[in-house]
C-alpha cells in the first residue's frame, strides 16, 4: 500500500504493548510495494476494521504526524537507514519483490506479476522496479515524469486515506 506504503509504529508494536490495529498495520507494511488495496489478492482479502481516526490520533497525534512518520517507518521496514533516498526505497522494494518471486507459491507469483503487469520472463529486478514506479505514478495520478520523492509522498498520502477509513485489507497467508 504497499502498496499500502507504510504504517504501524514501533511504539505500538513492542512486545506486550501492541494493539490489534497496530499489529495489522505493521503486518501490512511487511511488503510495502505489494500491499496496496488496488493490487493483487489483497483487494479481495479479509478486512480488518478499526477506528482509523482514533488510531492515528493515539499513535501519531494527527494526520500530519502520520505523514511525517511514514518515511522513517517505511525505511525501517525495508531495512534501510533513516537517510535513504526515495530512489533507494523503490529499488529495495523491487529487490524484495524479486526475491519474493523466488520463494512464493505459484498462485502468489501470478498475482504479484499481474499486479505489476509483468510476465514471468520479464520479472528482472530492473523491470520490477520500472513496473512499481509506473504503477505508483498511475495510481497517484502523477504521470510518468514524477520523481521518486513525489511517488513516495503520494504513496504515504494514500496510506493515510486507507488507515483513516478504518478498513485494512489483510493477507491471511
C-alpha atoms as a PDB file:
ATOM      1  CA  UNK A   1       0.000   0.000   0.000  1.00  0.00           C
ATOM      2  CA  UNK A   2       2.480  -1.059  -0.371  1.00  0.00           C
ATOM      3  CA  UNK A   3       1.397  -0.702  -1.656  1.00  0.00           C
ATOM      4  CA  UNK A   4      -0.167   0.169   1.366  1.00  0.00           C
ATOM      5  CA  UNK A   5       3.064   2.049   1.607  1.00  0.00           C
ATOM      6  CA  UNK A   6       3.716   2.263   5.227  1.00  0.00           C
ATOM      7  CA  UNK A   7       2.112   2.235   8.567  1.00  0.00           C
ATOM      8  CA  UNK A   8       2.454   0.886  12.029  1.00  0.00           C
ATOM      9  CA  UNK A   9       4.640   2.225  14.736  1.00  0.00           C
ATOM     10  CA  UNK A  10       7.282   0.511  16.812  1.00  0.00           C
ATOM     11  CA  UNK A  11       5.813   2.035  19.938  1.00  0.00           C
ATOM     12  CA  UNK A  12       2.518   0.393  19.083  1.00  0.00           C
ATOM     13  CA  UNK A  13       4.020  -2.963  18.297  1.00  0.00           C
ATOM     14  CA  UNK A  14       6.560  -3.542  21.036  1.00  0.00           C
ATOM     15  CA  UNK A  15       6.087  -6.899  22.672  1.00  0.00           C
ATOM     16  CA  UNK A  16       3.320  -6.646  25.196  1.00  0.00           C
ATOM     17  CA  UNK A  17       2.393  -3.123  24.166  1.00  0.00           C
ATOM     18  CA  UNK A  18       0.812  -3.644  20.759  1.00  0.00           C
ATOM     19  CA  UNK A  19      -2.752  -3.227  19.794  1.00  0.00           C
ATOM     20  CA  UNK A  20      -4.630  -5.171  17.192  1.00  0.00           C
ATOM     21  CA  UNK A  21      -4.827  -2.283  14.725  1.00  0.00           C
ATOM     22  CA  UNK A  22      -1.129  -1.555  15.127  1.00  0.00           C
ATOM     23  CA  UNK A  23      -0.240  -5.202  14.723  1.00  0.00           C
ATOM     24  CA  UNK A  24      -2.220  -5.429  11.481  1.00  0.00           C
ATOM     25  CA  UNK A  25      -0.787  -2.128  10.308  1.00  0.00           C
ATOM     26  CA  UNK A  26       2.738  -3.424  10.946  1.00  0.00           C
ATOM     27  CA  UNK A  27       1.882  -6.657   9.114  1.00  0.00           C
ATOM     28  CA  UNK A  28       0.595  -4.631   6.175  1.00  0.00           C
ATOM     29  CA  UNK A  29       3.939  -2.934   5.683  1.00  0.00           C
ATOM     30  CA  UNK A  30       5.809  -6.235   5.546  1.00  0.00           C
ATOM     31  CA  UNK A  31       5.892  -5.834   1.800  1.00  0.00           C
ATOM     32  CA  UNK A  32       5.292  -2.180   1.178  1.00  0.00           C
ATOM     33  CA  UNK A  33       5.324  -2.375  -2.586  1.00  0.00           C
ATOM     34  CA  UNK A  34       2.682  -5.047  -2.814  1.00  0.00           C
ATOM     35  CA  UNK A  35       0.060  -4.292  -0.236  1.00  0.00           C
ATOM     36  CA  UNK A  36      -1.846  -1.525  -1.915  1.00  0.00           C
ATOM     37  CA  UNK A  37      -5.533  -2.419  -1.764  1.00  0.00           C
ATOM     38  CA  UNK A  38      -5.835  -1.945  -5.511  1.00  0.00           C
ATOM     39  CA  UNK A  39      -3.282  -4.690  -6.113  1.00  0.00           C
ATOM     40  CA  UNK A  40      -3.312  -8.435  -6.120  1.00  0.00           C
ATOM     41  CA  UNK A  41      -5.472 -10.605  -3.952  1.00  0.00           C
ATOM     42  CA  UNK A  42      -5.353  -8.107  -1.120  1.00  0.00           C
ATOM     43  CA  UNK A  43      -8.144  -6.269  -2.883  1.00  0.00           C
ATOM     44  CA  UNK A  44     -10.354  -9.242  -2.022  1.00  0.00           C
ATOM     45  CA  UNK A  45      -8.630 -10.251   1.208  1.00  0.00           C
ATOM     46  CA  UNK A  46     -10.203 -10.175   4.597  1.00  0.00           C
ATOM     47  CA  UNK A  47     -10.707  -6.725   6.016  1.00  0.00           C
ATOM     48  CA  UNK A  48      -9.606  -5.681   9.469  1.00  0.00           C
ATOM     49  CA  UNK A  49     -11.926  -2.974  10.769  1.00  0.00           C
ATOM     50  CA  UNK A  50     -10.899  -0.464  13.422  1.00  0.00           C
ATOM     51  CA  UNK A  51     -11.298   3.193  14.352  1.00  0.00           C
ATOM     52  CA  UNK A  52      -8.765   4.654  11.922  1.00  0.00           C
ATOM     53  CA  UNK A  53      -9.005   8.304  13.002  1.00  0.00           C
ATOM     54  CA  UNK A  54      -8.599   7.292  16.645  1.00  0.00           C
ATOM     55  CA  UNK A  55      -5.651   5.057  15.773  1.00  0.00           C
ATOM     56  CA  UNK A  56      -3.950   7.975  14.030  1.00  0.00           C
ATOM     57  CA  UNK A  57      -4.694  10.312  16.934  1.00  0.00           C
ATOM     58  CA  UNK A  58      -3.441   7.827  19.545  1.00  0.00           C
ATOM     59  CA  UNK A  59      -0.278   6.854  17.688  1.00  0.00           C
ATOM     60  CA  UNK A  60       0.663   9.870  15.598  1.00  0.00           C
ATOM     61  CA  UNK A  61      -1.269  12.773  17.082  1.00  0.00           C
ATOM     62  CA  UNK A  62      -2.603  13.956  13.742  1.00  0.00           C
ATOM     63  CA  UNK A  63      -2.710  13.278  10.030  1.00  0.00           C
ATOM     64  CA  UNK A  64       0.415  15.391   9.696  1.00  0.00           C
ATOM     65  CA  UNK A  65       2.143  13.293  12.365  1.00  0.00           C
ATOM     66  CA  UNK A  66       1.212  10.135  10.489  1.00  0.00           C
ATOM     67  CA  UNK A  67       2.579  11.522   7.224  1.00  0.00           C
ATOM     68  CA  UNK A  68       5.754  12.743   8.930  1.00  0.00           C
ATOM     69  CA  UNK A  69       6.404   9.305  10.455  1.00  0.00           C
ATOM     70  CA  UNK A  70       5.823   7.254   7.322  1.00  0.00           C
ATOM     71  CA  UNK A  71       9.141   7.796   5.518  1.00  0.00           C
ATOM     72  CA  UNK A  72      11.142   6.660   8.545  1.00  0.00           C
ATOM     73  CA  UNK A  73       8.846   3.731   9.265  1.00  0.00           C
ATOM     74  CA  UNK A  74       8.975   2.568   5.666  1.00  0.00           C
ATOM     75  CA  UNK A  75      12.768   2.764   5.606  1.00  0.00           C
ATOM     76  CA  UNK A  76      12.967   0.825   8.849  1.00  0.00           C
ATOM     77  CA  UNK A  77      10.589  -1.811   7.486  1.00  0.00           C
ATOM     78  CA  UNK A  78      12.689  -2.168   4.352  1.00  0.00           C
ATOM     79  CA  UNK A  79      15.922  -2.380   6.363  1.00  0.00           C
ATOM     80  CA  UNK A  80      17.213   0.937   5.048  1.00  0.00           C
ATOM     81  CA  UNK A  81      18.952   3.673   7.014  1.00  0.00           C
ATOM     82  CA  UNK A  82      16.909   6.689   8.041  1.00  0.00           C
ATOM     83  CA  UNK A  83      18.532   8.897   5.413  1.00  0.00           C
ATOM     84  CA  UNK A  84      17.897   6.562   2.471  1.00  0.00           C
ATOM     85  CA  UNK A  85      16.569   8.320  -0.596  1.00  0.00           C
ATOM     86  CA  UNK A  86      13.187   7.663  -2.148  1.00  0.00           C
ATOM     87  CA  UNK A  87      15.014   6.087  -5.073  1.00  0.00           C
ATOM     88  CA  UNK A  88      16.681   3.638  -2.664  1.00  0.00           C
ATOM     89  CA  UNK A  89      13.243   2.862  -1.194  1.00  0.00           C
ATOM     90  CA  UNK A  90      11.846   1.913  -4.595  1.00  0.00           C
ATOM     91  CA  UNK A  91      14.985  -0.042  -5.509  1.00  0.00           C
ATOM     92  CA  UNK A  92      14.689  -2.012  -2.275  1.00  0.00           C
ATOM     93  CA  UNK A  93      11.002  -2.696  -2.877  1.00  0.00           C
ATOM     94  CA  UNK A  94      11.920  -4.062  -6.316  1.00  0.00           C
ATOM     95  CA  UNK A  95      14.720  -6.182  -4.870  1.00  0.00           C
ATOM     96  CA  UNK A  96      12.390  -7.622  -2.225  1.00  0.00           C
ATOM     97  CA  UNK A  97       9.689  -8.336  -4.804  1.00  0.00           C
ATOM     98  CA  UNK A  98      12.282 -10.092  -6.979  1.00  0.00           C
ATOM     99  CA  UNK A  99      13.337 -12.238  -4.024  1.00  0.00           C
ATOM    100  CA  UNK A 100       9.716 -12.936  -3.120  1.00  0.00           C
ATOM    101  CA  UNK A 101       9.101 -14.302  -6.599  1.00  0.00           C
ATOM    102  CA  UNK A 102      11.773 -16.941  -5.971  1.00  0.00           C
ATOM    103  CA  UNK A 103      10.006 -18.376  -2.922  1.00  0.00           C
ATOM    104  CA  UNK A 104       6.324 -17.527  -3.331  1.00  0.00           C
ATOM    105  CA  UNK A 105       3.698 -20.049  -4.301  1.00  0.00           C
ATOM    106  CA  UNK A 106       2.842 -20.195  -7.998  1.00  0.00           C
ATOM    107  CA  UNK A 107      -0.537 -18.610  -7.227  1.00  0.00           C
ATOM    108  CA  UNK A 108       1.045 -15.678  -5.408  1.00  0.00           C
ATOM    109  CA  UNK A 109       3.717 -15.314  -8.096  1.00  0.00           C
ATOM    110  CA  UNK A 110       0.968 -14.952 -10.697  1.00  0.00           C
ATOM    111  CA  UNK A 111      -0.911 -12.417  -8.585  1.00  0.00           C
ATOM    112  CA  UNK A 112       2.250 -10.430  -7.935  1.00  0.00           C
ATOM    113  CA  UNK A 113       3.204 -10.395 -11.594  1.00  0.00           C
ATOM    114  CA  UNK A 114      -0.359  -9.485 -12.581  1.00  0.00           C
ATOM    115  CA  UNK A 115      -0.350  -6.596 -10.102  1.00  0.00           C
ATOM    116  CA  UNK A 116       2.842  -5.341 -11.725  1.00  0.00           C
ATOM    117  CA  UNK A 117       1.539  -6.061 -15.232  1.00  0.00           C
ATOM    118  CA  UNK A 118       4.561  -8.268 -15.949  1.00  0.00           C
ATOM    119  CA  UNK A 119       5.042 -11.728 -17.405  1.00  0.00           C
ATOM    120  CA  UNK A 120       7.249 -14.283 -15.653  1.00  0.00           C
ATOM    121  CA  UNK A 121      10.030 -13.949 -18.225  1.00  0.00           C
ATOM    122  CA  UNK A 122      10.064 -10.180 -17.764  1.00  0.00           C
ATOM    123  CA  UNK A 123      10.476 -10.289 -13.987  1.00  0.00           C
ATOM    124  CA  UNK A 124      14.010  -8.963 -13.694  1.00  0.00           C
ATOM    125  CA  UNK A 125      14.729  -6.610 -10.817  1.00  0.00           C
ATOM    126  CA  UNK A 126      15.029  -3.685 -13.253  1.00  0.00           C
ATOM    127  CA  UNK A 127      11.681  -4.483 -14.867  1.00  0.00           C
ATOM    128  CA  UNK A 128      10.039  -4.911 -11.473  1.00  0.00           C
ATOM    129  CA  UNK A 129      11.404  -1.530 -10.381  1.00  0.00           C
ATOM    130  CA  UNK A 130      10.049   0.064 -13.540  1.00  0.00           C
ATOM    131  CA  UNK A 131       6.664  -1.629 -13.038  1.00  0.00           C
ATOM    132  CA  UNK A 132       6.429  -0.475  -9.408  1.00  0.00           C
ATOM    133  CA  UNK A 133       7.286   3.089 -10.422  1.00  0.00           C
ATOM    134  CA  UNK A 134       4.772   3.031 -13.281  1.00  0.00           C
ATOM    135  CA  UNK A 135       2.053   1.649 -11.017  1.00  0.00           C
ATOM    136  CA  UNK A 136       2.723   4.270  -8.363  1.00  0.00           C
ATOM    137  CA  UNK A 137       2.659   7.036 -10.968  1.00  0.00           C
ATOM    138  CA  UNK A 138      -0.599   5.735 -12.405  1.00  0.00           C
ATOM    139  CA  UNK A 139      -2.320   5.220  -9.045  1.00  0.00           C
ATOM    140  CA  UNK A 140      -1.132   8.567  -7.748  1.00  0.00           C
ATOM    141  CA  UNK A 141      -2.201  10.380 -10.883  1.00  0.00           C
ATOM    142  CA  UNK A 142       1.240  11.948 -11.093  1.00  0.00           C
ATOM    143  CA  UNK A 143       2.210  10.756 -14.533  1.00  0.00           C
ATOM    144  CA  UNK A 144       5.357   9.165 -15.831  1.00  0.00           C
ATOM    145  CA  UNK A 145       7.576  12.164 -15.100  1.00  0.00           C
ATOM    146  CA  UNK A 146       7.038  12.057 -11.335  1.00  0.00           C
ATOM    147  CA  UNK A 147      10.148  11.872  -9.188  1.00  0.00           C
ATOM    148  CA  UNK A 148      10.762   9.099  -6.697  1.00  0.00           C
ATOM    149  CA  UNK A 149      10.149  11.634  -3.923  1.00  0.00           C
ATOM    150  CA  UNK A 150       6.779  12.634  -5.365  1.00  0.00           C
ATOM    151  CA  UNK A 151       5.783   8.998  -5.763  1.00  0.00           C
ATOM    152  CA  UNK A 152       6.747   8.167  -2.205  1.00  0.00           C
ATOM    153  CA  UNK A 153       4.834  11.151  -0.818  1.00  0.00           C
ATOM    154  CA  UNK A 154       1.758  10.138  -2.797  1.00  0.00           C
ATOM    155  CA  UNK A 155       2.094   6.566  -1.550  1.00  0.00           C
ATOM    156  CA  UNK A 156       2.077   7.790   2.055  1.00  0.00           C
ATOM    157  CA  UNK A 157      -0.914  10.039   1.358  1.00  0.00           C
ATOM    158  CA  UNK A 158      -2.843   7.015   0.024  1.00  0.00           C
ATOM    159  CA  UNK A 159      -1.812   5.091   3.134  1.00  0.00           C
ATOM    160  CA  UNK A 160      -3.275   7.843   5.290  1.00  0.00           C
ATOM    161  CA  UNK A 161      -6.598   7.640   3.460  1.00  0.00           C
ATOM    162  CA  UNK A 162      -6.631   3.861   3.857  1.00  0.00           C
ATOM    163  CA  UNK A 163      -5.832   3.964   7.568  1.00  0.00           C
ATOM    164  CA  UNK A 164      -8.369   6.725   8.200  1.00  0.00           C
ATOM    165  CA  UNK A 165     -11.023   4.571   6.539  1.00  0.00           C
ATOM    166  CA  UNK A 166     -10.596   2.042   9.344  1.00  0.00           C
ATOM    167  CA  UNK A 167     -10.696  -0.831   6.860  1.00  0.00           C
ATOM    168  CA  UNK A 168      -7.372  -2.528   6.207  1.00  0.00           C
ATOM    169  CA  UNK A 169      -7.202  -5.399   3.767  1.00  0.00           C
ATOM    170  CA  UNK A 170      -5.110  -8.126   5.364  1.00  0.00           C
ATOM    171  CA  UNK A 171      -3.309 -11.025   3.799  1.00  0.00           C
ATOM    172  CA  UNK A 172      -4.138 -14.122   5.801  1.00  0.00           C
ATOM    173  CA  UNK A 173      -1.458 -16.306   4.181  1.00  0.00           C
END
